[in-house]
């Protein structure tokens, strides 16, 4: 891996891929996911949501951070 690479796709590439989806406008208006929180205000979030995969990954990151924070605060 070259310096500065994280092994993750470029964020702008992912955004371009999402924007290219035929239903992107619909999901951009309907989705209630709040990035960085792992939370979707729409409790009936569909697996068909374009942001479902990103929301789940975000939710996992938030959970890992909370677990780590709890362990660190117990020390």
PDB file of N, CA and C in Angstrom:
ATOM      1  N   UNK A   1       0.835  -1.166   0.000  1.00  0.00           N
ATOM      2  CA  UNK A   1       0.000   0.000   0.000  1.00  0.00           C
ATOM      3  C   UNK A   1       0.893   1.247   0.000  1.00  0.00           C
ATOM      4  N   UNK A   2       0.565   2.208  -0.825  1.00  0.00           N
ATOM      5  CA  UNK A   2       1.339   3.441  -0.900  1.00  0.00           C
ATOM      6  C   UNK A   2       1.011   4.329   0.288  1.00  0.00           C
ATOM      7  N   UNK A   3       1.887   5.256   0.556  1.00  0.00           N
ATOM      8  CA  UNK A   3       1.667   6.184   1.673  1.00  0.00           C
ATOM      9  C   UNK A   3       0.362   6.940   1.493  1.00  0.00           C
ATOM     10  N   UNK A   4      -0.403   7.040   2.560  1.00  0.00           N
ATOM     11  CA  UNK A   4      -1.662   7.772   2.518  1.00  0.00           C
ATOM     12  C   UNK A   4      -2.864   6.934   2.118  1.00  0.00           C
ATOM     13  N   UNK A   5      -2.635   5.698   1.684  1.00  0.00           N
ATOM     14  CA  UNK A   5      -3.760   4.848   1.294  1.00  0.00           C
ATOM     15  C   UNK A   5      -4.295   4.126   2.516  1.00  0.00           C
ATOM     16  N   UNK A   6      -5.599   3.993   2.582  1.00  0.00           N
ATOM     17  CA  UNK A   6      -6.228   3.328   3.726  1.00  0.00           C
ATOM     18  C   UNK A   6      -6.810   1.976   3.361  1.00  0.00           C
ATOM     19  N   UNK A   7      -6.808   1.619   2.078  1.00  0.00           N
ATOM     20  CA  UNK A   7      -7.399   0.363   1.662  1.00  0.00           C
ATOM     21  C   UNK A   7      -8.890   0.473   1.427  1.00  0.00           C
ATOM     22  N   UNK A   8      -9.464   1.660   1.633  1.00  0.00           N
ATOM     23  CA  UNK A   8     -10.889   1.891   1.409  1.00  0.00           C
ATOM     24  C   UNK A   8     -11.069   2.631   0.094  1.00  0.00           C
ATOM     25  N   UNK A   9     -12.212   2.410  -0.566  1.00  0.00           N
ATOM     26  CA  UNK A   9     -12.452   3.158  -1.805  1.00  0.00           C
ATOM     27  C   UNK A   9     -12.504   4.653  -1.533  1.00  0.00           C
ATOM     28  N   UNK A  10     -12.129   5.420  -2.519  1.00  0.00           N
ATOM     29  CA  UNK A  10     -12.184   6.868  -2.427  1.00  0.00           C
ATOM     30  C   UNK A  10     -13.625   7.292  -2.160  1.00  0.00           C
ATOM     31  N   UNK A  11     -13.833   8.166  -1.199  1.00  0.00           N
ATOM     32  CA  UNK A  11     -15.176   8.597  -0.820  1.00  0.00           C
ATOM     33  C   UNK A  11     -15.911   9.202  -2.004  1.00  0.00           C
ATOM     34  N   UNK A  12     -15.211   9.987  -2.815  1.00  0.00           N
ATOM     35  CA  UNK A  12     -15.871  10.609  -3.959  1.00  0.00           C
ATOM     36  C   UNK A  12     -16.294   9.559  -4.983  1.00  0.00           C
ATOM     37  N   UNK A  13     -15.563   8.464  -5.088  1.00  0.00           N
ATOM     38  CA  UNK A  13     -15.933   7.380  -5.995  1.00  0.00           C
ATOM     39  C   UNK A  13     -17.218   6.723  -5.523  1.00  0.00           C
ATOM     40  N   UNK A  14     -17.338   6.494  -4.218  1.00  0.00           N
ATOM     41  CA  UNK A  14     -18.569   5.900  -3.682  1.00  0.00           C
ATOM     42  C   UNK A  14     -19.736   6.840  -3.895  1.00  0.00           C
ATOM     43  N   UNK A  15     -19.527   8.128  -3.690  1.00  0.00           N
ATOM     44  CA  UNK A  15     -20.599   9.108  -3.890  1.00  0.00           C
ATOM     45  C   UNK A  15     -21.018   9.139  -5.353  1.00  0.00           C
ATOM     46  N   UNK A  16     -20.067   9.055  -6.259  1.00  0.00           N
ATOM     47  CA  UNK A  16     -20.376   9.037  -7.690  1.00  0.00           C
ATOM     48  C   UNK A  16     -21.174   7.787  -8.042  1.00  0.00           C
ATOM     49  N   UNK A  17     -20.793   6.646  -7.473  1.00  0.00           N
ATOM     50  CA  UNK A  17     -21.521   5.405  -7.730  1.00  0.00           C
ATOM     51  C   UNK A  17     -22.953   5.504  -7.240  1.00  0.00           C
ATOM     52  N   UNK A  18     -23.153   6.065  -6.046  1.00  0.00           N
ATOM     53  CA  UNK A  18     -24.509   6.227  -5.513  1.00  0.00           C
ATOM     54  C   UNK A  18     -25.323   7.187  -6.378  1.00  0.00           C
ATOM     55  N   UNK A  19     -24.704   8.272  -6.788  1.00  0.00           N
ATOM     56  CA  UNK A  19     -25.410   9.269  -7.609  1.00  0.00           C
ATOM     57  C   UNK A  19     -25.797   8.707  -8.967  1.00  0.00           C
ATOM     58  N   UNK A  20     -25.064   7.720  -9.455  1.00  0.00           N
ATOM     59  CA  UNK A  20     -25.350   7.130 -10.758  1.00  0.00           C
ATOM     60  C   UNK A  20     -26.536   6.159 -10.716  1.00  0.00           C
ATOM     61  N   UNK A  21     -26.927   5.762  -9.515  1.00  0.00           N
ATOM     62  CA  UNK A  21     -28.061   4.843  -9.373  1.00  0.00           C
ATOM     63  C   UNK A  21     -29.346   5.508  -9.859  1.00  0.00           C
ATOM     64  N   UNK A  22     -30.202   4.756 -10.580  1.00  0.00           N
ATOM     65  CA  UNK A  22     -31.447   5.333 -11.092  1.00  0.00           C
ATOM     66  C   UNK A  22     -32.387   5.871 -10.008  1.00  0.00           C
ATOM     67  N   UNK A  23     -32.363   5.282  -8.820  1.00  0.00           N
ATOM     68  CA  UNK A  23     -33.271   5.699  -7.749  1.00  0.00           C
ATOM     69  C   UNK A  23     -32.597   6.629  -6.748  1.00  0.00           C
ATOM     70  N   UNK A  24     -31.461   7.208  -7.098  1.00  0.00           N
ATOM     71  CA  UNK A  24     -30.703   8.042  -6.163  1.00  0.00           C
ATOM     72  C   UNK A  24     -31.512   9.234  -5.658  1.00  0.00           C
ATOM     73  N   UNK A  25     -32.227   9.897  -6.538  1.00  0.00           N
ATOM     74  CA  UNK A  25     -33.006  11.075  -6.121  1.00  0.00           C
ATOM     75  C   UNK A  25     -34.083  10.670  -5.118  1.00  0.00           C
ATOM     76  N   UNK A  26     -34.772   9.567  -5.405  1.00  0.00           N
ATOM     77  CA  UNK A  26     -35.815   9.081  -4.492  1.00  0.00           C
ATOM     78  C   UNK A  26     -35.239   8.818  -3.104  1.00  0.00           C
ATOM     79  N   UNK A  27     -34.138   8.064  -3.022  1.00  0.00           N
ATOM     80  CA  UNK A  27     -33.583   7.704  -1.720  1.00  0.00           C
ATOM     81  C   UNK A  27     -32.941   8.891  -1.021  1.00  0.00           C
ATOM     82  N   UNK A  28     -32.426   9.842  -1.781  1.00  0.00           N
ATOM     83  CA  UNK A  28     -31.862  11.039  -1.163  1.00  0.00           C
ATOM     84  C   UNK A  28     -32.954  11.842  -0.455  1.00  0.00           C
ATOM     85  N   UNK A  29     -34.174  11.776  -0.966  1.00  0.00           N
ATOM     86  CA  UNK A  29     -35.289  12.492  -0.354  1.00  0.00           C
ATOM     87  C   UNK A  29     -35.928  11.707   0.779  1.00  0.00           C
ATOM     88  N   UNK A  30     -35.948  10.376   0.675  1.00  0.00           N
ATOM     89  CA  UNK A  30     -36.668   9.520   1.616  1.00  0.00           C
ATOM     90  C   UNK A  30     -35.817   9.054   2.799  1.00  0.00           C
ATOM     91  N   UNK A  31     -34.532   8.861   2.575  1.00  0.00           N
ATOM     92  CA  UNK A  31     -33.665   8.280   3.609  1.00  0.00           C
ATOM     93  C   UNK A  31     -33.555   9.207   4.811  1.00  0.00           C
ATOM     94  N   UNK A  32     -33.616   8.618   5.993  1.00  0.00           N
ATOM     95  CA  UNK A  32     -33.548   9.401   7.230  1.00  0.00           C
ATOM     96  C   UNK A  32     -32.283   9.079   8.026  1.00  0.00           C
ATOM     97  N   UNK A  33     -31.295   8.461   7.377  1.00  0.00           N
ATOM     98  CA  UNK A  33     -30.040   8.117   8.028  1.00  0.00           C
ATOM     99  C   UNK A  33     -29.277   9.388   8.369  1.00  0.00           C
ATOM    100  N   UNK A  34     -28.735   9.439   9.565  1.00  0.00           N
ATOM    101  CA  UNK A  34     -27.925  10.576   9.993  1.00  0.00           C
ATOM    102  C   UNK A  34     -26.478  10.086  10.040  1.00  0.00           C
ATOM    103  N   UNK A  35     -25.678  10.368   9.001  1.00  0.00           N
ATOM    104  CA  UNK A  35     -24.297   9.870   8.945  1.00  0.00           C
ATOM    105  C   UNK A  35     -23.495  10.244  10.182  1.00  0.00           C
ATOM    106  N   UNK A  36     -22.699   9.270  10.645  1.00  0.00           N
ATOM    107  CA  UNK A  36     -21.867   9.485  11.826  1.00  0.00           C
ATOM    108  C   UNK A  36     -22.523   9.051  13.118  1.00  0.00           C
ATOM    109  N   UNK A  37     -23.820   8.742  13.059  1.00  0.00           N
ATOM    110  CA  UNK A  37     -24.534   8.327  14.268  1.00  0.00           C
ATOM    111  C   UNK A  37     -24.902   6.848  14.243  1.00  0.00           C
ATOM    112  N   UNK A  38     -24.927   6.246  13.049  1.00  0.00           N
ATOM    113  CA  UNK A  38     -25.370   4.866  12.922  1.00  0.00           C
ATOM    114  C   UNK A  38     -26.870   4.736  13.073  1.00  0.00           C
ATOM    115  N   UNK A  39     -27.561   5.853  13.046  1.00  0.00           N
ATOM    116  CA  UNK A  39     -28.998   5.870  13.312  1.00  0.00           C
ATOM    117  C   UNK A  39     -29.789   6.314  12.089  1.00  0.00           C
ATOM    118  N   UNK A  40     -30.874   5.608  11.827  1.00  0.00           N
ATOM    119  CA  UNK A  40     -31.809   5.985  10.775  1.00  0.00           C
ATOM    120  C   UNK A  40     -33.130   6.327  11.453  1.00  0.00           C
ATOM    121  N   UNK A  41     -33.580   7.555  11.253  1.00  0.00           N
ATOM    122  CA  UNK A  41     -34.830   7.988  11.900  1.00  0.00           C
ATOM    123  C   UNK A  41     -36.040   7.271  11.327  1.00  0.00           C
ATOM    124  N   UNK A  42     -35.889   6.616  10.189  1.00  0.00           N
ATOM    125  CA  UNK A  42     -36.972   5.860   9.565  1.00  0.00           C
ATOM    126  C   UNK A  42     -36.873   4.420  10.052  1.00  0.00           C
ATOM    127  N   UNK A  43     -37.661   4.073  11.046  1.00  0.00           N
ATOM    128  CA  UNK A  43     -37.567   2.737  11.640  1.00  0.00           C
ATOM    129  C   UNK A  43     -37.923   1.621  10.664  1.00  0.00           C
ATOM    130  N   UNK A  44     -38.600   1.937   9.593  1.00  0.00           N
ATOM    131  CA  UNK A  44     -38.967   0.933   8.605  1.00  0.00           C
ATOM    132  C   UNK A  44     -37.980   0.929   7.434  1.00  0.00           C
ATOM    133  N   UNK A  45     -36.724   1.244   7.713  1.00  0.00           N
ATOM    134  CA  UNK A  45     -35.706   1.316   6.672  1.00  0.00           C
ATOM    135  C   UNK A  45     -35.686   0.013   5.867  1.00  0.00           C
ATOM    136  N   UNK A  46     -35.742   0.161   4.591  1.00  0.00           N
ATOM    137  CA  UNK A  46     -35.807  -0.970   3.684  1.00  0.00           C
ATOM    138  C   UNK A  46     -34.416  -1.420   3.267  1.00  0.00           C
ATOM    139  N   UNK A  47     -34.273  -2.723   3.021  1.00  0.00           N
ATOM    140  CA  UNK A  47     -33.018  -3.238   2.471  1.00  0.00           C
ATOM    141  C   UNK A  47     -32.770  -2.659   1.083  1.00  0.00           C
ATOM    142  N   UNK A  48     -33.808  -2.142   0.457  1.00  0.00           N
ATOM    143  CA  UNK A  48     -33.684  -1.569  -0.880  1.00  0.00           C
ATOM    144  C   UNK A  48     -33.074  -0.166  -0.842  1.00  0.00           C
ATOM    145  N   UNK A  49     -32.985   0.439   0.327  1.00  0.00           N
ATOM    146  CA  UNK A  49     -32.428   1.791   0.460  1.00  0.00           C
ATOM    147  C   UNK A  49     -30.986   1.792  -0.045  1.00  0.00           C
ATOM    148  N   UNK A  50     -30.657   2.759  -0.871  1.00  0.00           N
ATOM    149  CA  UNK A  50     -29.302   2.856  -1.419  1.00  0.00           C
ATOM    150  C   UNK A  50     -28.256   3.047  -0.337  1.00  0.00           C
ATOM    151  N   UNK A  51     -28.639   3.639   0.785  1.00  0.00           N
ATOM    152  CA  UNK A  51     -27.695   3.944   1.844  1.00  0.00           C
ATOM    153  C   UNK A  51     -27.647   2.871   2.925  1.00  0.00           C
ATOM    154  N   UNK A  52     -28.404   1.793   2.743  1.00  0.00           N
ATOM    155  CA  UNK A  52     -28.504   0.740   3.757  1.00  0.00           C
ATOM    156  C   UNK A  52     -27.128   0.183   4.132  1.00  0.00           C
ATOM    157  N   UNK A  53     -26.321  -0.124   3.140  1.00  0.00           N
ATOM    158  CA  UNK A  53     -24.991  -0.696   3.384  1.00  0.00           C
ATOM    159  C   UNK A  53     -24.099   0.296   4.137  1.00  0.00           C
ATOM    160  N   UNK A  54     -24.115   1.557   3.732  1.00  0.00           N
ATOM    161  CA  UNK A  54     -23.311   2.573   4.407  1.00  0.00           C
ATOM    162  C   UNK A  54     -23.803   2.799   5.832  1.00  0.00           C
ATOM    163  N   UNK A  55     -25.127   2.790   6.018  1.00  0.00           N
ATOM    164  CA  UNK A  55     -25.683   2.985   7.359  1.00  0.00           C
ATOM    165  C   UNK A  55     -25.268   1.853   8.278  1.00  0.00           C
ATOM    166  N   UNK A  56     -25.325   0.617   7.784  1.00  0.00           N
ATOM    167  CA  UNK A  56     -24.930  -0.518   8.609  1.00  0.00           C
ATOM    168  C   UNK A  56     -23.455  -0.451   8.979  1.00  0.00           C
ATOM    169  N   UNK A  57     -22.601  -0.070   8.021  1.00  0.00           N
ATOM    170  CA  UNK A  57     -21.169   0.073   8.307  1.00  0.00           C
ATOM    171  C   UNK A  57     -20.949   1.181   9.338  1.00  0.00           C
ATOM    172  N   UNK A  58     -21.678   2.270   9.198  1.00  0.00           N
ATOM    173  CA  UNK A  58     -21.598   3.377  10.135  1.00  0.00           C
ATOM    174  C   UNK A  58     -22.035   2.917  11.520  1.00  0.00           C
ATOM    175  N   UNK A  59     -23.107   2.151  11.569  1.00  0.00           N
ATOM    176  CA  UNK A  59     -23.628   1.641  12.843  1.00  0.00           C
ATOM    177  C   UNK A  59     -22.593   0.742  13.521  1.00  0.00           C
ATOM    178  N   UNK A  60     -21.909  -0.080  12.748  1.00  0.00           N
ATOM    179  CA  UNK A  60     -20.874  -0.961  13.312  1.00  0.00           C
ATOM    180  C   UNK A  60     -19.713  -0.145  13.877  1.00  0.00           C
ATOM    181  N   UNK A  61     -19.294   0.920  13.164  1.00  0.00           N
ATOM    182  CA  UNK A  61     -18.221   1.780  13.655  1.00  0.00           C
ATOM    183  C   UNK A  61     -18.616   2.442  14.978  1.00  0.00           C
ATOM    184  N   UNK A  62     -19.849   2.913  15.059  1.00  0.00           N
ATOM    185  CA  UNK A  62     -20.328   3.564  16.285  1.00  0.00           C
ATOM    186  C   UNK A  62     -20.336   2.562  17.428  1.00  0.00           C
ATOM    187  N   UNK A  63     -20.796   1.351  17.170  1.00  0.00           N
ATOM    188  CA  UNK A  63     -20.818   0.322  18.223  1.00  0.00           C
ATOM    189  C   UNK A  63     -19.403   0.006  18.703  1.00  0.00           C
ATOM    190  N   UNK A  64     -18.451  -0.167  17.764  1.00  0.00           N
ATOM    191  CA  UNK A  64     -17.071  -0.462  18.159  1.00  0.00           C
ATOM    192  C   UNK A  64     -16.501   0.674  19.001  1.00  0.00           C
ATOM    193  N   UNK A  65     -16.743   1.924  18.588  1.00  0.00           N
ATOM    194  CA  UNK A  65     -16.235   3.068  19.328  1.00  0.00           C
ATOM    195  C   UNK A  65     -16.824   3.109  20.739  1.00  0.00           C
ATOM    196  N   UNK A  66     -18.116   2.839  20.865  1.00  0.00           N
ATOM    197  CA  UNK A  66     -18.749   2.868  22.186  1.00  0.00           C
ATOM    198  C   UNK A  66     -18.180   1.785  23.095  1.00  0.00           C
ATOM    199  N   UNK A  67     -17.970   0.578  22.529  1.00  0.00           N
ATOM    200  CA  UNK A  67     -17.383  -0.504  23.332  1.00  0.00           C
ATOM    201  C   UNK A  67     -15.982  -0.117  23.808  1.00  0.00           C
ATOM    202  N   UNK A  68     -15.185   0.413  22.892  1.00  0.00           N
ATOM    203  CA  UNK A  68     -13.824   0.821  23.238  1.00  0.00           C
ATOM    204  C   UNK A  68     -13.848   1.924  24.285  1.00  0.00           C
ATOM    205  N   UNK A  69     -14.732   2.875  24.133  1.00  0.00           N
ATOM    206  CA  UNK A  69     -14.835   3.974  25.088  1.00  0.00           C
ATOM    207  C   UNK A  69     -15.209   3.451  26.478  1.00  0.00           C
ATOM    208  N   UNK A  70     -16.125   2.447  26.534  1.00  0.00           N
ATOM    209  CA  UNK A  70     -16.498   1.877  27.825  1.00  0.00           C
ATOM    210  C   UNK A  70     -15.314   1.197  28.491  1.00  0.00           C
ATOM    211  N   UNK A  71     -14.549   0.430  27.692  1.00  0.00           N
ATOM    212  CA  UNK A  71     -13.391  -0.279  28.234  1.00  0.00           C
ATOM    213  C   UNK A  71     -12.362   0.731  28.740  1.00  0.00           C
ATOM    214  N   UNK A  72     -12.121   1.780  27.978  1.00  0.00           N
ATOM    215  CA  UNK A  72     -11.136   2.780  28.392  1.00  0.00           C
ATOM    216  C   UNK A  72     -11.584   3.533  29.631  1.00  0.00           C
ATOM    217  N   UNK A  73     -12.877   3.765  29.775  1.00  0.00           N
ATOM    218  CA  UNK A  73     -13.355   4.516  30.939  1.00  0.00           C
ATOM    219  C   UNK A  73     -13.334   3.663  32.217  1.00  0.00           C
ATOM    220  N   UNK A  74     -13.306   2.366  32.085  1.00  0.00           N
ATOM    221  CA  UNK A  74     -13.258   1.477  33.257  1.00  0.00           C
ATOM    222  C   UNK A  74     -11.859   1.391  33.848  1.00  0.00           C
ATOM    223  N   UNK A  75     -10.875   1.791  33.087  1.00  0.00           N
ATOM    224  CA  UNK A  75      -9.490   1.681  33.564  1.00  0.00           C
ATOM    225  C   UNK A  75      -9.144   2.731  34.542  1.00  0.00           C
TER     226      UNK A  75
END
